Amino acid sequence: MNDKNKLDDSESAAMTTSDNELTPSAADKHHPMLKLVLELGPLLVFFFGNLRGEWLAQQFPQLATLGGPLFVATGLFMAATVLSLVVSKVMLGHLPLMPFVSGIVVLVFGALGIYLQNETFIKMKPTIVNALFGVVLLGGLAFGKSLLGYVFNAAFQLDSEGWRKLTLRWGLFFLVLAVLNEVVWRLSNWYYLPDVKAADNLWVNFKVWGTMPITILFTLSQMPLIMKHTVEPPAEGGK
């Protein structure tokens, strides 16, 4: 009986530690709109850079050295991503995990694409990022960790079962986005080439105006699960 009580106590302590780790910081609670702007801002810069790449290159000749509109957009996207991470660090006191990982891939693949003048690196970036997130989330579940709780803890407070289910769904969703990105950019190249500009425009429009609505709709579809497993946040000071 004593051993069982000790085991229950240790499990409770482990659960308490996990709950504490998933408790959002004060900065996360106070700057939800800032986080949204920092995550969406670079994407809008990328869209504008591709749409007005030739005009930007005329106004700022230095940008012309990067290449065509897609490469100009990529250079601006890289700069906006770095700026977003710096502001996150200054204003929130930490670097959000998913934007940080995505930022690293943006810089690596963006630099390779511009240096080699090969758009494949740029178009495969979302595939790599989404596949990486999907594998990490599902891999975490395999080891008993609901890693999504460390990302969305500022938005939701869920019980353990809720985080497990939500992590599984988002892990699968990221893998679907990875496959979808590959299908879109490869089919657009196949259909439009040698018209590179048309192929690039279709992919960029999908990336900005396709992926984002799909993600929003998927997020909204998870609200019943979130509401079902929402728990009251612990009172400040442990009261």
Protein backbone atom coordinates (compact mmCIF):
# COMPACT_ATOMS: atom_id res chain seq x y z
CA MET A 1 0.00 0.00 0.00
CA ASN A 2 2.81 2.40 0.89
CA ASP A 3 4.56 1.61 -2.38
CA LYS A 4 1.35 2.34 -4.27
CA ASN A 5 0.95 5.67 -2.48
CA LYS A 6 4.53 6.59 -3.29
CA LEU A 7 3.94 5.68 -6.92
CA ASP A 8 0.80 7.83 -7.04
CA ASP A 9 2.69 10.71 -5.41
CA SER A 10 5.51 10.47 -7.93
CA GLU A 11 3.02 10.39 -10.82
CA SER A 12 1.26 13.42 -9.39
CA ALA A 13 4.56 15.25 -9.06
CA ALA A 14 5.46 14.38 -12.64
CA MET A 15 2.06 15.64 -13.82
CA THR A 16 2.51 18.85 -11.83
CA THR A 17 5.88 19.44 -13.41
CA SER A 18 4.39 18.88 -16.86
CA ASP A 19 1.53 21.29 -16.15
CA ASN A 20 3.96 23.93 -14.90
CA GLU A 21 6.07 23.58 -18.01
CA LEU A 22 2.99 24.20 -20.17
CA THR A 23 1.88 27.29 -18.26
CA PRO A 24 2.23 30.35 -20.52
CA SER A 25 4.50 33.19 -19.50
CA ALA A 26 3.13 36.63 -18.66
CA ALA A 27 4.60 38.03 -21.89
CA ASP A 28 2.80 35.40 -23.96
CA LYS A 29 -0.50 36.28 -22.29
CA HIS A 30 -0.07 40.03 -22.76
CA HIS A 31 1.06 40.07 -26.42
CA PRO A 32 -1.17 37.64 -28.39
CA MET A 33 -1.66 40.07 -31.29
CA LEU A 34 2.06 40.82 -31.43
CA LYS A 35 2.78 37.10 -31.83
CA LEU A 36 0.26 36.91 -34.68
CA VAL A 37 1.79 39.91 -36.47
CA LEU A 38 5.32 38.54 -36.05
CA GLU A 39 4.31 35.20 -37.56
CA LEU A 40 2.22 36.56 -40.46
CA GLY A 41 4.30 39.65 -41.24
CA PRO A 42 7.19 37.91 -43.02
CA LEU A 43 4.73 35.89 -45.12
CA LEU A 44 3.00 39.05 -46.34
CA VAL A 45 6.39 40.60 -47.10
CA PHE A 46 7.20 37.53 -49.20
CA PHE A 47 3.94 37.86 -51.15
CA PHE A 48 4.50 41.59 -51.78
CA GLY A 49 8.12 40.97 -52.78
CA ASN A 50 7.10 38.45 -55.43
CA LEU A 51 4.18 40.56 -56.65
CA ARG A 52 6.24 43.74 -56.97
CA GLY A 53 9.70 42.24 -57.34
CA GLU A 54 10.54 43.94 -60.64
CA TRP A 55 9.39 47.33 -59.36
CA LEU A 56 11.37 46.90 -56.14
CA ALA A 57 14.47 45.99 -58.15
CA GLN A 58 14.09 49.20 -60.16
CA GLN A 59 13.65 51.32 -57.06
CA PHE A 60 16.45 49.58 -55.15
CA PRO A 61 19.08 48.35 -57.65
CA GLN A 62 20.84 46.36 -54.94
CA LEU A 63 17.87 43.97 -54.89
CA ALA A 64 18.34 43.25 -58.60
CA THR A 65 21.56 41.40 -57.74
CA LEU A 66 19.47 38.75 -55.97
CA GLY A 67 17.81 37.64 -59.21
CA GLY A 68 14.19 37.54 -60.37
CA PRO A 69 11.08 38.50 -58.36
CA LEU A 70 10.97 35.20 -56.46
CA PHE A 71 14.56 35.64 -55.31
CA VAL A 72 13.92 39.26 -54.36
CA ALA A 73 10.92 38.11 -52.36
CA THR A 74 13.03 35.43 -50.70
CA GLY A 75 15.70 37.95 -49.68
CA LEU A 76 13.06 40.22 -48.16
CA PHE A 77 11.43 37.23 -46.49
CA MET A 78 14.74 36.27 -44.88
CA ALA A 79 15.27 39.82 -43.59
CA ALA A 80 11.69 40.03 -42.27
CA THR A 81 12.09 36.65 -40.57
CA VAL A 82 15.26 37.73 -38.76
CA LEU A 83 13.58 41.00 -37.72
CA SER A 84 10.56 39.05 -36.45
CA LEU A 85 12.76 36.79 -34.32
CA VAL A 86 14.68 39.75 -32.89
CA VAL A 87 11.44 41.53 -31.94
CA SER A 88 10.13 38.30 -30.39
CA LYS A 89 13.24 38.01 -28.26
CA VAL A 90 13.08 41.66 -27.16
CA MET A 91 9.33 41.93 -26.56
CA LEU A 92 8.47 38.42 -25.39
CA GLY A 93 11.73 37.54 -23.71
CA HIS A 94 12.17 34.30 -25.67
CA LEU A 95 12.15 32.87 -29.19
CA PRO A 96 8.97 30.92 -30.10
CA LEU A 97 9.98 27.38 -31.01
CA MET A 98 8.16 26.88 -34.31
CA PRO A 99 9.00 30.31 -35.83
CA PHE A 100 12.61 29.83 -34.71
CA VAL A 101 12.95 26.43 -36.41
CA SER A 102 11.13 27.70 -39.48
CA GLY A 103 13.42 30.76 -39.53
CA ILE A 104 16.53 28.59 -39.59
CA VAL A 105 15.20 26.63 -42.57
CA VAL A 106 14.19 29.88 -44.30
CA LEU A 107 17.71 31.27 -43.95
CA VAL A 108 19.47 28.07 -45.04
CA PHE A 109 17.28 27.22 -48.02
CA GLY A 110 16.75 30.87 -48.99
CA ALA A 111 20.50 31.48 -49.05
CA LEU A 112 21.08 28.33 -51.12
CA GLY A 113 18.33 29.28 -53.56
CA ILE A 114 19.66 32.80 -54.09
CA TYR A 115 23.31 31.75 -54.28
CA LEU A 116 22.65 28.93 -56.76
CA GLN A 117 19.78 30.82 -58.47
CA ASN A 118 17.70 27.68 -58.05
CA GLU A 119 14.08 28.17 -57.01
CA THR A 120 13.76 24.51 -56.02
CA PHE A 121 15.39 25.23 -52.65
CA ILE A 122 12.88 28.03 -52.03
CA LYS A 123 9.82 26.02 -53.02
CA MET A 124 10.89 22.98 -51.02
CA LYS A 125 11.31 25.00 -47.83
CA PRO A 126 7.65 24.65 -46.74
CA THR A 127 7.86 20.93 -47.45
CA ILE A 128 10.91 20.56 -45.22
CA VAL A 129 9.46 22.71 -42.42
CA ASN A 130 6.04 21.05 -42.36
CA ALA A 131 7.48 17.55 -42.63
CA LEU A 132 9.91 18.36 -39.82
CA PHE A 133 7.14 19.65 -37.54
CA GLY A 134 4.95 16.66 -38.34
CA VAL A 135 7.68 14.13 -37.64
CA VAL A 136 8.74 15.89 -34.43
CA LEU A 137 5.18 16.09 -33.08
CA LEU A 138 4.36 12.48 -33.91
CA GLY A 139 7.77 11.35 -32.71
CA GLY A 140 7.21 13.16 -29.43
CA LEU A 141 3.94 11.27 -28.96
CA ALA A 142 5.79 8.01 -29.49
CA PHE A 143 7.93 8.94 -26.48
CA GLY A 144 4.96 10.09 -24.42
CA LYS A 145 5.45 13.83 -24.97
CA SER A 146 2.70 16.12 -26.26
CA LEU A 147 5.05 18.73 -27.66
CA LEU A 148 2.27 20.90 -29.06
CA GLY A 149 1.52 22.01 -25.52
CA TYR A 150 4.82 23.90 -25.44
CA VAL A 151 3.79 25.82 -28.57
CA PHE A 152 0.12 26.64 -27.94
CA ASN A 153 0.24 26.93 -24.16
CA ALA A 154 -0.31 30.69 -24.38
CA ALA A 155 -3.58 30.16 -26.27
CA PHE A 156 -5.05 27.09 -24.58
CA GLN A 157 -4.93 25.24 -21.27
CA LEU A 158 -5.84 21.60 -21.90
CA ASP A 159 -5.66 18.37 -19.95
CA SER A 160 -3.16 15.67 -20.92
CA GLU A 161 -5.59 13.75 -23.13
CA GLY A 162 -6.52 16.93 -24.98
CA TRP A 163 -2.89 17.78 -25.72
CA ARG A 164 -2.24 14.22 -26.94
CA LYS A 165 -5.18 14.29 -29.36
CA LEU A 166 -4.39 17.81 -30.57
CA THR A 167 -0.72 16.94 -31.07
CA LEU A 168 -1.65 13.87 -33.12
CA ARG A 169 -4.00 15.86 -35.34
CA TRP A 170 -1.54 18.70 -35.90
CA GLY A 171 1.27 16.25 -36.60
CA LEU A 172 -0.79 14.60 -39.34
CA PHE A 173 -1.92 18.01 -40.62
CA PHE A 174 1.67 19.21 -41.02
CA LEU A 175 2.48 16.09 -43.04
CA VAL A 176 -0.54 16.78 -45.28
CA LEU A 177 0.69 20.36 -45.82
CA ALA A 178 4.14 19.03 -46.75
CA VAL A 179 2.67 16.72 -49.38
CA LEU A 180 0.30 19.43 -50.65
CA ASN A 181 3.16 21.91 -51.11
CA GLU A 182 5.13 19.37 -53.14
CA VAL A 183 2.12 18.63 -55.34
CA VAL A 184 1.34 22.31 -55.99
CA TRP A 185 4.82 23.54 -56.87
CA ARG A 186 5.71 20.54 -58.99
CA LEU A 187 2.41 20.57 -60.88
CA SER A 188 2.64 24.35 -61.41
CA ASN A 189 6.12 23.91 -62.89
CA TRP A 190 4.91 21.08 -65.09
CA TYR A 191 1.88 23.02 -66.31
CA TYR A 192 3.37 26.49 -66.83
CA LEU A 193 7.02 25.97 -67.75
CA PRO A 194 8.79 27.51 -69.59
CA ASP A 195 6.72 30.40 -68.20
CA VAL A 196 8.64 30.57 -64.92
CA LYS A 197 6.85 33.72 -63.71
CA ALA A 198 3.41 32.13 -64.01
CA ALA A 199 4.56 29.00 -62.18
CA ASP A 200 6.12 31.09 -59.40
CA ASN A 201 3.00 33.24 -59.05
CA LEU A 202 0.72 30.24 -58.70
CA TRP A 203 2.91 28.72 -56.00
CA VAL A 204 3.33 31.99 -54.08
CA ASN A 205 -0.43 32.62 -54.18
CA PHE A 206 -1.03 29.12 -52.86
CA LYS A 207 1.57 29.59 -50.15
CA VAL A 208 0.00 32.83 -48.91
CA TRP A 209 -3.70 32.61 -49.81
CA GLY A 210 -4.09 28.83 -49.88
CA THR A 211 -2.06 27.50 -46.99
CA MET A 212 -3.21 30.18 -44.54
CA PRO A 213 -7.00 29.67 -45.05
CA ILE A 214 -6.51 25.90 -44.91
CA THR A 215 -4.66 26.27 -41.63
CA ILE A 216 -7.30 28.61 -40.21
CA LEU A 217 -10.11 26.23 -41.17
CA PHE A 218 -8.24 23.30 -39.65
CA THR A 219 -7.65 25.28 -36.44
CA LEU A 220 -11.35 26.16 -36.22
CA SER A 221 -12.29 22.51 -36.75
CA GLN A 222 -10.32 21.64 -33.60
CA MET A 223 -12.34 23.96 -31.37
CA PRO A 224 -14.79 21.24 -30.20
CA LEU A 225 -11.84 19.16 -29.01
CA ILE A 226 -10.24 22.17 -27.36
CA MET A 227 -13.44 23.15 -25.57
CA LYS A 228 -13.99 19.60 -24.39
CA HIS A 229 -10.53 19.29 -22.82
CA THR A 230 -10.02 22.87 -21.60
CA VAL A 231 -9.07 23.14 -17.92
CA GLU A 232 -9.09 26.16 -15.66
CA PRO A 233 -5.62 27.76 -15.42
CA PRO A 234 -4.03 27.60 -11.94
CA ALA A 235 -4.67 30.67 -9.79
CA GLU A 236 -1.74 33.05 -9.39
CA GLY A 237 0.33 32.37 -6.31
CA GLY A 238 -0.94 28.80 -6.19
CA LYS A 239 -4.29 29.87 -4.63
